[in-house]
Structures are given as C-alpha cells and as structure tokens.
Amino acid sequence: MSVPRARLKKSETIDGYVVEVGEHWVVVAATSHVVYLDGWEVLRIRDISEVEVAGKQARRYSDRALASLGTPPSKPTGLSVSHGGRKEVLRSALESAPIVSVHSEKKYPDSLWVGRVLGYRGEKFGLQPIDSNGVWEEHDRSFTLAEISRVTIGGRYNDALQKFGDPRPE
C-alpha cells in the first residue's frame, strides 16, 4: 500500500505494510521499490490524506518476494503506538533504536536529521546529529515534540550510519 500525505507540502509517499495503528500515529514497515523491507516509518495520522492499496497482482508479487526472503513485515521491538498519548508514543519511537531520523516536514519539508536522542526537557528533546559522511556534529539540535511529523527507525541509511559512522563522542 502507499500512504500519500498531501497535507504536508513536498512530503514523500510511503510504501509498505501497516503493522500498528494508534490514536495519533501509525507504524508502516517501509518497502523499497526493489521489494525489500527498509526500516519503519512512524507517521502522524492527521497528516495522512489517503491510503492507496496496491492492486492484487502487485500485492501477490510483493508478498511472494518478502516471504521468500524470510522477512515478513513486523513492528520494531519495544515500539507501541496503540498505548499512551502523543508524547509517550513519540518518545517510544525516538528511543526504539540507537539512531533515528527525525522529520519536521511542515517546517522543513526537504530536510531530515539523523542522530541519537540525548534527552527530554518538557515538550522538547535534544538530538546529537550525525551527517551523511558518518561524522557526529559538534552541536546538538533541539526539537519540540509537536513539530515532529515522522520518525524513521532502521532502514539501510540509518543502519549504515550506525554501523560505519565515526564512533560517537561522549
């Protein structure tokens, strides 16, 4: 299925399998166009404009391909969007992996920040960013929980930065 989010200008359509739905957020096991699972996208439900279900032929093909790879869609361990309020769900997503991608698509439609969550202060959290060359940035970035429209967990890009990036400074 595809999830266009027309309410957010310039947001990309997410393809994959819905693995959990909560009151305010949904978790999609993202797929790439070459039919493999590529992490998870935690999306704010209010930003979803429609859900497009793939045709029967496309679904059968994707299902067969994923089954043969032994990777059925599932949600990440420890993540739950069906319990708790917005703040608890977002914290659960942000803390579900050593490195996550944070999207503030309304404020910065063409940007994302990858890094490690450092902590919370009220409605804000700190992120220590790692750049696309695997170098940890010197200055932390602060976000409000309300501005986050999407959190990416895992996936090839995040996993490569975690595995091959510089050691994180303490």
N, C-alpha and C. Protein backbone atom coordinates (compact mmCIF):
# COMPACT_ATOMS: atom_id res chain seq x y z
N MET A 1 0.83 -1.16 0.00
CA MET A 1 0.00 0.00 0.00
C MET A 1 0.88 1.23 0.00
N SER A 2 0.32 2.33 -0.42
CA SER A 2 1.02 3.60 -0.43
C SER A 2 0.26 4.60 0.43
N VAL A 3 1.01 5.45 1.12
CA VAL A 3 0.40 6.43 2.01
C VAL A 3 0.85 7.83 1.58
N PRO A 4 0.07 8.49 0.69
CA PRO A 4 0.39 9.88 0.37
C PRO A 4 -0.02 10.78 1.54
N ARG A 5 0.73 11.85 1.74
CA ARG A 5 0.42 12.77 2.84
C ARG A 5 0.35 14.18 2.29
N ALA A 6 -0.71 14.43 1.53
CA ALA A 6 -0.88 15.70 0.83
C ALA A 6 -1.00 16.89 1.78
N ARG A 7 -1.36 16.64 3.03
CA ARG A 7 -1.48 17.74 3.99
C ARG A 7 -0.11 18.36 4.30
N LEU A 8 0.96 17.63 4.00
CA LEU A 8 2.31 18.15 4.19
C LEU A 8 2.90 18.42 2.80
N LYS A 9 3.14 19.67 2.49
CA LYS A 9 3.70 20.01 1.19
C LYS A 9 5.05 19.33 1.02
N LYS A 10 5.28 18.80 -0.16
CA LYS A 10 6.53 18.15 -0.54
C LYS A 10 6.86 16.89 0.25
N SER A 11 5.90 16.33 0.97
CA SER A 11 6.20 15.09 1.70
C SER A 11 6.18 13.93 0.72
N GLU A 12 6.99 12.93 1.01
CA GLU A 12 7.03 11.78 0.11
C GLU A 12 5.96 10.76 0.49
N THR A 13 5.54 10.01 -0.51
CA THR A 13 4.61 8.92 -0.27
C THR A 13 5.38 7.76 0.33
N ILE A 14 4.80 7.12 1.33
CA ILE A 14 5.44 6.00 1.99
C ILE A 14 4.80 4.72 1.49
N ASP A 15 5.61 3.77 1.01
CA ASP A 15 5.12 2.47 0.56
C ASP A 15 5.46 1.43 1.61
N GLY A 16 4.54 0.51 1.86
CA GLY A 16 4.83 -0.55 2.81
C GLY A 16 3.59 -1.21 3.36
N TYR A 17 3.75 -1.79 4.55
CA TYR A 17 2.70 -2.54 5.23
C TYR A 17 2.42 -1.90 6.58
N VAL A 18 1.16 -1.62 6.86
CA VAL A 18 0.79 -1.09 8.17
C VAL A 18 0.95 -2.23 9.18
N VAL A 19 1.74 -1.98 10.25
CA VAL A 19 1.96 -3.02 11.25
C VAL A 19 1.36 -2.66 12.60
N GLU A 20 0.99 -1.38 12.80
CA GLU A 20 0.29 -0.98 14.02
C GLU A 20 -0.34 0.38 13.81
N VAL A 21 -1.54 0.56 14.40
CA VAL A 21 -2.25 1.83 14.32
C VAL A 21 -2.64 2.24 15.73
N GLY A 22 -2.33 3.48 16.07
CA GLY A 22 -2.73 4.04 17.35
C GLY A 22 -3.71 5.18 17.11
N GLU A 23 -4.01 5.92 18.15
CA GLU A 23 -4.95 7.02 18.03
C GLU A 23 -4.39 8.17 17.18
N HIS A 24 -3.09 8.45 17.33
CA HIS A 24 -2.49 9.59 16.65
C HIS A 24 -1.37 9.23 15.68
N TRP A 25 -0.85 8.00 15.75
CA TRP A 25 0.30 7.59 14.95
C TRP A 25 0.05 6.22 14.34
N VAL A 26 0.73 5.94 13.23
CA VAL A 26 0.68 4.64 12.59
C VAL A 26 2.11 4.22 12.29
N VAL A 27 2.39 2.90 12.36
CA VAL A 27 3.71 2.38 12.03
C VAL A 27 3.59 1.61 10.71
N VAL A 28 4.44 1.98 9.75
CA VAL A 28 4.47 1.32 8.45
C VAL A 28 5.83 0.64 8.29
N ALA A 29 5.82 -0.67 8.02
CA ALA A 29 7.05 -1.36 7.65
C ALA A 29 7.32 -0.96 6.21
N ALA A 30 8.27 -0.07 6.02
CA ALA A 30 8.52 0.53 4.71
C ALA A 30 9.14 -0.48 3.76
N THR A 31 8.77 -0.39 2.49
CA THR A 31 9.38 -1.22 1.46
C THR A 31 10.01 -0.31 0.42
N SER A 32 11.05 -0.83 -0.20
CA SER A 32 11.67 -0.07 -1.28
C SER A 32 11.04 -0.52 -2.59
N HIS A 33 11.40 0.14 -3.66
CA HIS A 33 10.82 -0.21 -4.97
C HIS A 33 11.41 -1.51 -5.53
N VAL A 34 12.45 -2.03 -4.87
CA VAL A 34 13.01 -3.30 -5.32
C VAL A 34 12.60 -4.44 -4.39
N VAL A 35 11.53 -4.26 -3.67
CA VAL A 35 10.84 -5.24 -2.85
C VAL A 35 11.71 -5.85 -1.74
N TYR A 36 12.11 -5.01 -0.84
CA TYR A 36 12.68 -5.49 0.42
C TYR A 36 12.23 -4.52 1.49
N LEU A 37 12.18 -5.00 2.72
CA LEU A 37 11.80 -4.13 3.82
C LEU A 37 12.96 -3.19 4.11
N ASP A 38 12.63 -1.94 4.40
CA ASP A 38 13.67 -0.92 4.59
C ASP A 38 13.34 -0.05 5.80
N GLY A 39 13.28 -0.67 6.97
CA GLY A 39 13.02 0.07 8.20
C GLY A 39 11.54 0.32 8.41
N TRP A 40 11.26 1.26 9.32
CA TRP A 40 9.88 1.60 9.66
C TRP A 40 9.71 3.10 9.64
N GLU A 41 8.52 3.52 9.28
CA GLU A 41 8.15 4.93 9.32
C GLU A 41 7.01 5.07 10.33
N VAL A 42 7.20 5.94 11.31
CA VAL A 42 6.16 6.24 12.28
C VAL A 42 5.56 7.57 11.82
N LEU A 43 4.31 7.54 11.38
CA LEU A 43 3.67 8.70 10.75
C LEU A 43 2.54 9.23 11.62
N ARG A 44 2.40 10.55 11.62
CA ARG A 44 1.27 11.18 12.31
C ARG A 44 0.02 10.96 11.46
N ILE A 45 -1.01 10.40 12.06
CA ILE A 45 -2.22 10.06 11.31
C ILE A 45 -2.88 11.29 10.70
N ARG A 46 -2.88 12.41 11.40
CA ARG A 46 -3.56 13.61 10.87
C ARG A 46 -2.95 14.11 9.57
N ASP A 47 -1.72 13.69 9.25
CA ASP A 47 -1.07 14.11 8.01
C ASP A 47 -1.40 13.21 6.82
N ILE A 48 -2.01 12.06 7.07
CA ILE A 48 -2.30 11.10 6.00
C ILE A 48 -3.57 11.54 5.28
N SER A 49 -3.45 11.73 3.97
CA SER A 49 -4.61 12.18 3.20
C SER A 49 -5.41 11.03 2.62
N GLU A 50 -4.75 9.89 2.37
CA GLU A 50 -5.44 8.71 1.87
C GLU A 50 -4.50 7.53 1.98
N VAL A 51 -5.04 6.33 1.82
CA VAL A 51 -4.24 5.12 1.77
C VAL A 51 -4.60 4.42 0.48
N GLU A 52 -3.59 4.19 -0.35
CA GLU A 52 -3.81 3.53 -1.64
C GLU A 52 -3.36 2.08 -1.51
N VAL A 53 -4.28 1.16 -1.70
CA VAL A 53 -3.96 -0.26 -1.62
C VAL A 53 -3.50 -0.72 -2.99
N ALA A 54 -2.37 -1.41 -3.03
CA ALA A 54 -1.83 -1.91 -4.30
C ALA A 54 -2.79 -2.91 -4.91
N GLY A 55 -2.74 -3.02 -6.22
CA GLY A 55 -3.58 -4.00 -6.92
C GLY A 55 -3.22 -5.42 -6.52
N LYS A 56 -4.12 -6.33 -6.81
CA LYS A 56 -3.96 -7.72 -6.41
C LYS A 56 -2.65 -8.32 -6.95
N GLN A 57 -2.32 -8.05 -8.21
CA GLN A 57 -1.10 -8.59 -8.81
C GLN A 57 0.13 -8.07 -8.08
N ALA A 58 0.18 -6.78 -7.81
CA ALA A 58 1.33 -6.18 -7.12
C ALA A 58 1.46 -6.72 -5.70
N ARG A 59 0.34 -6.88 -5.03
CA ARG A 59 0.37 -7.41 -3.66
C ARG A 59 0.89 -8.84 -3.64
N ARG A 60 0.42 -9.67 -4.58
CA ARG A 60 0.87 -11.06 -4.63
C ARG A 60 2.37 -11.12 -4.88
N TYR A 61 2.84 -10.28 -5.80
CA TYR A 61 4.28 -10.25 -6.11
C TYR A 61 5.09 -9.84 -4.88
N SER A 62 4.70 -8.75 -4.24
CA SER A 62 5.42 -8.27 -3.05
C SER A 62 5.37 -9.30 -1.93
N ASP A 63 4.21 -9.87 -1.69
CA ASP A 63 4.07 -10.87 -0.63
C ASP A 63 4.96 -12.09 -0.89
N ARG A 64 4.99 -12.56 -2.17
CA ARG A 64 5.85 -13.70 -2.50
C ARG A 64 7.32 -13.35 -2.31
N ALA A 65 7.72 -12.16 -2.76
CA ALA A 65 9.12 -11.75 -2.65
C ALA A 65 9.55 -11.65 -1.19
N LEU A 66 8.74 -11.01 -0.36
CA LEU A 66 9.09 -10.86 1.05
C LEU A 66 9.07 -12.22 1.76
N ALA A 67 8.13 -13.08 1.40
CA ALA A 67 8.07 -14.41 2.03
C ALA A 67 9.32 -15.21 1.67
N SER A 68 9.78 -15.13 0.42
CA SER A 68 10.96 -15.90 0.03
C SER A 68 12.22 -15.36 0.69
N LEU A 69 12.24 -14.08 1.03
CA LEU A 69 13.39 -13.51 1.72
C LEU A 69 13.34 -13.79 3.22
N GLY A 70 12.22 -14.33 3.68
CA GLY A 70 12.08 -14.65 5.10
C GLY A 70 11.93 -13.42 5.98
N THR A 71 11.39 -12.35 5.42
CA THR A 71 11.25 -11.10 6.19
C THR A 71 9.82 -10.61 6.17
N PRO A 72 8.94 -11.24 6.94
CA PRO A 72 7.56 -10.73 6.98
C PRO A 72 7.52 -9.37 7.67
N PRO A 73 6.63 -8.49 7.24
CA PRO A 73 6.53 -7.18 7.89
C PRO A 73 6.14 -7.34 9.36
N SER A 74 6.83 -6.64 10.22
CA SER A 74 6.53 -6.63 11.65
C SER A 74 6.91 -5.27 12.20
N LYS A 75 6.54 -5.00 13.44
CA LYS A 75 6.92 -3.71 14.03
C LYS A 75 8.21 -3.88 14.82
N PRO A 76 8.94 -2.79 15.04
CA PRO A 76 10.18 -2.90 15.82
C PRO A 76 9.90 -3.30 17.26
N THR A 77 10.81 -4.06 17.83
CA THR A 77 10.70 -4.48 19.22
C THR A 77 10.66 -3.26 20.14
N GLY A 78 9.72 -3.26 21.05
CA GLY A 78 9.65 -2.19 22.04
C GLY A 78 8.85 -0.97 21.62
N LEU A 79 8.44 -0.89 20.36
CA LEU A 79 7.67 0.27 19.90
C LEU A 79 6.19 -0.04 19.99
N SER A 80 5.43 0.90 20.55
CA SER A 80 3.99 0.76 20.59
C SER A 80 3.36 2.12 20.34
N VAL A 81 2.48 2.18 19.36
CA VAL A 81 1.75 3.42 19.11
C VAL A 81 0.30 3.31 19.55
N SER A 82 -0.11 2.12 20.01
CA SER A 82 -1.51 1.95 20.38
C SER A 82 -1.81 2.25 21.84
N HIS A 83 -0.77 2.54 22.63
CA HIS A 83 -0.98 2.85 24.04
C HIS A 83 -0.27 4.16 24.37
N GLY A 84 -0.89 4.96 25.20
CA GLY A 84 -0.27 6.21 25.62
C GLY A 84 -0.68 7.37 24.73
N GLY A 85 -0.38 8.57 25.19
CA GLY A 85 -0.68 9.77 24.43
C GLY A 85 0.39 10.04 23.39
N ARG A 86 0.23 11.16 22.69
CA ARG A 86 1.17 11.53 21.63
C ARG A 86 2.61 11.58 22.12
N LYS A 87 2.79 12.18 23.29
CA LYS A 87 4.13 12.34 23.84
C LYS A 87 4.79 10.98 24.11
N GLU A 88 4.06 10.06 24.72
CA GLU A 88 4.61 8.74 25.04
C GLU A 88 4.91 7.94 23.77
N VAL A 89 4.03 8.04 22.78
CA VAL A 89 4.24 7.32 21.53
C VAL A 89 5.48 7.85 20.82
N LEU A 90 5.59 9.15 20.75
CA LEU A 90 6.74 9.74 20.07
C LEU A 90 8.04 9.39 20.80
N ARG A 91 8.02 9.44 22.11
CA ARG A 91 9.20 9.04 22.88
C ARG A 91 9.55 7.58 22.61
N SER A 92 8.55 6.71 22.55
CA SER A 92 8.77 5.30 22.27
C SER A 92 9.46 5.13 20.92
N ALA A 93 9.00 5.87 19.92
CA ALA A 93 9.60 5.80 18.58
C ALA A 93 11.04 6.32 18.59
N LEU A 94 11.24 7.45 19.25
CA LEU A 94 12.57 8.06 19.27
C LEU A 94 13.59 7.20 20.01
N GLU A 95 13.13 6.40 20.96
CA GLU A 95 14.03 5.59 21.77
C GLU A 95 14.13 4.14 21.30
N SER A 96 13.53 3.81 20.17
CA SER A 96 13.48 2.42 19.73
C SER A 96 14.72 1.95 18.98
N ALA A 97 15.65 2.84 18.71
CA ALA A 97 16.89 2.48 18.01
C ALA A 97 17.99 3.44 18.43
N PRO A 98 19.24 3.02 18.31
CA PRO A 98 20.35 3.90 18.69
C PRO A 98 20.42 5.17 17.84
N ILE A 99 20.02 5.04 16.58
CA ILE A 99 19.99 6.19 15.66
C ILE A 99 18.62 6.21 14.99
N VAL A 100 17.99 7.37 14.93
CA VAL A 100 16.72 7.54 14.24
C VAL A 100 16.80 8.75 13.32
N SER A 101 15.91 8.80 12.35
CA SER A 101 15.76 10.00 11.52
C SER A 101 14.52 10.73 11.99
N VAL A 102 14.65 12.03 12.17
CA VAL A 102 13.57 12.88 12.64
C VAL A 102 13.17 13.81 11.50
N HIS A 103 11.87 13.89 11.24
CA HIS A 103 11.35 14.73 10.16
C HIS A 103 10.41 15.78 10.75
N SER A 104 10.62 17.02 10.37
CA SER A 104 9.72 18.11 10.72
C SER A 104 9.23 18.69 9.39
N GLU A 105 8.38 17.92 8.70
CA GLU A 105 8.07 18.17 7.30
C GLU A 105 7.26 19.43 7.04
N LYS A 106 6.52 19.90 8.03
CA LYS A 106 5.77 21.14 7.83
C LYS A 106 6.72 22.33 7.85
N LYS A 107 7.64 22.32 8.80
CA LYS A 107 8.59 23.43 8.97
C LYS A 107 9.76 23.33 7.99
N TYR A 108 10.26 22.12 7.76
CA TYR A 108 11.41 21.88 6.88
C TYR A 108 11.08 20.73 5.94
N PRO A 109 10.32 20.99 4.87
CA PRO A 109 9.80 19.90 4.04
C PRO A 109 10.87 19.04 3.34
N ASP A 110 12.03 19.58 3.09
CA ASP A 110 13.05 18.81 2.36
C ASP A 110 14.19 18.34 3.26
N SER A 111 13.99 18.33 4.56
CA SER A 111 15.08 18.01 5.48
C SER A 111 14.72 16.88 6.42
N LEU A 112 15.77 16.24 6.91
CA LEU A 112 15.65 15.27 7.99
C LEU A 112 16.93 15.34 8.78
N TRP A 113 16.85 14.93 10.03
CA TRP A 113 18.02 14.90 10.90
C TRP A 113 18.16 13.49 11.41
N VAL A 114 19.35 12.96 11.26
CA VAL A 114 19.65 11.61 11.74
C VAL A 114 20.54 11.76 12.97
N GLY A 115 20.25 11.01 14.00
CA GLY A 115 21.10 11.10 15.17
C GLY A 115 20.59 10.29 16.34
N ARG A 116 21.19 10.58 17.48
CA ARG A 116 20.85 9.90 18.72
C ARG A 116 20.12 10.86 19.64
N VAL A 117 19.01 10.40 20.19
CA VAL A 117 18.26 11.23 21.13
C VAL A 117 19.06 11.31 22.43
N LEU A 118 19.22 12.55 22.92
CA LEU A 118 20.02 12.78 24.12
C LEU A 118 19.20 12.87 25.39
N GLY A 119 17.99 13.37 25.29
CA GLY A 119 17.15 13.51 26.47
C GLY A 119 16.00 14.46 26.20
N TYR A 120 15.18 14.63 27.22
CA TYR A 120 13.96 15.43 27.10
C TYR A 120 13.95 16.51 28.16
N ARG A 121 13.35 17.62 27.82
CA ARG A 121 13.10 18.70 28.77
C ARG A 121 11.72 19.24 28.43
N GLY A 122 10.74 18.82 29.20
CA GLY A 122 9.36 19.24 28.93
C GLY A 122 8.90 18.71 27.58
N GLU A 123 8.49 19.62 26.70
CA GLU A 123 7.99 19.26 25.37
C GLU A 123 9.09 19.27 24.31
N LYS A 124 10.35 19.35 24.72
CA LYS A 124 11.47 19.38 23.78
C LYS A 124 12.38 18.18 24.00
N PHE A 125 13.14 17.85 22.95
CA PHE A 125 14.16 16.81 23.09
C PHE A 125 15.40 17.24 22.31
N GLY A 126 16.52 16.72 22.75
CA GLY A 126 17.79 17.01 22.09
C GLY A 126 18.22 15.83 21.23
N LEU A 127 18.82 16.15 20.10
CA LEU A 127 19.31 15.14 19.18
C LEU A 127 20.76 15.47 18.85
N GLN A 128 21.64 14.50 18.96
CA GLN A 128 23.01 14.69 18.51
C GLN A 128 23.06 14.18 17.08
N PRO A 129 23.16 15.08 16.09
CA PRO A 129 23.11 14.66 14.68
C PRO A 129 24.41 14.01 14.21
N ILE A 130 24.26 13.10 13.26
CA ILE A 130 25.37 12.52 12.52
C ILE A 130 25.13 12.87 11.06
N ASP A 131 26.16 13.37 10.36
CA ASP A 131 25.94 13.81 8.99
C ASP A 131 26.05 12.65 7.99
N SER A 132 25.83 12.94 6.72
CA SER A 132 25.79 11.90 5.69
C SER A 132 27.14 11.26 5.43
N ASN A 133 28.21 11.81 6.00
CA ASN A 133 29.54 11.21 5.91
C ASN A 133 29.88 10.40 7.15
N GLY A 134 28.92 10.24 8.06
CA GLY A 134 29.14 9.46 9.26
C GLY A 134 29.92 10.20 10.34
N VAL A 135 29.92 11.51 10.28
CA VAL A 135 30.64 12.33 11.26
C VAL A 135 29.62 12.95 12.21
N TRP A 136 29.85 12.76 13.52
CA TRP A 136 28.95 13.34 14.51
C TRP A 136 29.17 14.84 14.57
N GLU A 137 28.08 15.59 14.55
CA GLU A 137 28.16 17.05 14.61
C GLU A 137 28.48 17.49 16.04
N GLU A 138 29.17 18.61 16.15
CA GLU A 138 29.59 19.12 17.47
C GLU A 138 28.43 19.68 18.28
N HIS A 139 27.44 20.25 17.59
CA HIS A 139 26.34 20.92 18.28
C HIS A 139 25.07 20.08 18.20
N ASP A 140 24.40 19.96 19.33
CA ASP A 140 23.13 19.24 19.38
C ASP A 140 22.04 20.09 18.75
N ARG A 141 20.97 19.44 18.39
CA ARG A 141 19.81 20.12 17.81
C ARG A 141 18.63 19.89 18.75
N SER A 142 17.82 20.90 18.92
CA SER A 142 16.65 20.81 19.79
C SER A 142 15.38 20.85 18.94
N PHE A 143 14.43 19.99 19.27
CA PHE A 143 13.13 19.93 18.59
C PHE A 143 12.03 19.95 19.63
N THR A 144 10.86 20.45 19.23
CA THR A 144 9.68 20.26 20.06
C THR A 144 9.01 18.98 19.58
N LEU A 145 8.39 18.26 20.49
CA LEU A 145 7.69 17.04 20.10
C LEU A 145 6.57 17.34 19.11
N ALA A 146 5.94 18.50 19.25
CA ALA A 146 4.80 18.87 18.40
C ALA A 146 5.20 19.06 16.94
N GLU A 147 6.44 19.44 16.66
CA GLU A 147 6.82 19.70 15.27
C GLU A 147 7.20 18.45 14.50
N ILE A 148 7.34 17.31 15.18
CA ILE A 148 7.77 16.08 14.52
C ILE A 148 6.57 15.44 13.81
N SER A 149 6.73 15.21 12.51
CA SER A 149 5.66 14.60 11.71
C SER A 149 5.95 13.15 11.37
N ARG A 150 7.22 12.74 11.55
CA ARG A 150 7.61 11.40 11.12
C ARG A 150 8.93 11.03 11.80
N VAL A 151 9.05 9.77 12.16
CA VAL A 151 10.30 9.23 12.69
C VAL A 151 10.62 7.98 11.88
N THR A 152 11.85 7.91 11.36
CA THR A 152 12.31 6.72 10.63
C THR A 152 13.18 5.90 11.56
N ILE A 153 12.84 4.62 11.67
CA ILE A 153 13.58 3.69 12.53
C ILE A 153 14.21 2.65 11.63
N GLY A 154 15.50 2.44 11.79
CA GLY A 154 16.20 1.45 10.98
C GLY A 154 16.26 1.87 9.53
N GLY A 155 16.33 0.91 8.65
CA GLY A 155 16.47 1.17 7.23
C GLY A 155 17.94 1.23 6.85
N ARG A 156 18.21 1.05 5.59
CA ARG A 156 19.58 0.99 5.11
C ARG A 156 20.40 2.23 5.44
N TYR A 157 19.82 3.41 5.28
CA TYR A 157 20.57 4.65 5.51
C TYR A 157 20.95 4.78 6.99
N ASN A 158 19.97 4.69 7.88
CA ASN A 158 20.26 4.80 9.31
C ASN A 158 21.21 3.70 9.77
N ASP A 159 20.97 2.47 9.31
CA ASP A 159 21.81 1.35 9.72
C ASP A 159 23.26 1.53 9.26
N ALA A 160 23.45 2.05 8.05
CA ALA A 160 24.82 2.29 7.56
C ALA A 160 25.52 3.35 8.40
N LEU A 161 24.82 4.42 8.73
CA LEU A 161 25.43 5.45 9.57
C LEU A 161 25.79 4.90 10.95
N GLN A 162 24.93 4.07 11.50
CA GLN A 162 25.20 3.48 12.81
C GLN A 162 26.39 2.53 12.75
N LYS A 163 26.45 1.72 11.71
CA LYS A 163 27.49 0.69 11.62
C LYS A 163 28.85 1.24 11.18
N PHE A 164 28.84 2.17 10.22
CA PHE A 164 30.09 2.61 9.60
C PHE A 164 30.50 4.04 9.96
N GLY A 165 29.62 4.76 10.65
CA GLY A 165 29.96 6.13 11.05
C GLY A 165 31.04 6.15 12.10
N ASP A 166 31.59 7.35 12.32
CA ASP A 166 32.60 7.53 13.37
C ASP A 166 32.03 7.10 14.72
N PRO A 167 32.90 6.70 15.64
CA PRO A 167 32.42 6.42 16.99
C PRO A 167 31.80 7.69 17.60
N ARG A 168 30.73 7.48 18.31
CA ARG A 168 30.02 8.63 18.90
C ARG A 168 30.85 9.21 20.04
N PRO A 169 31.09 10.53 20.01
CA PRO A 169 31.82 11.14 21.12
C PRO A 169 30.97 11.16 22.38
N GLU A 170 31.59 11.00 23.49
CA GLU A 170 30.87 11.00 24.78
C GLU A 170 30.86 12.40 25.39
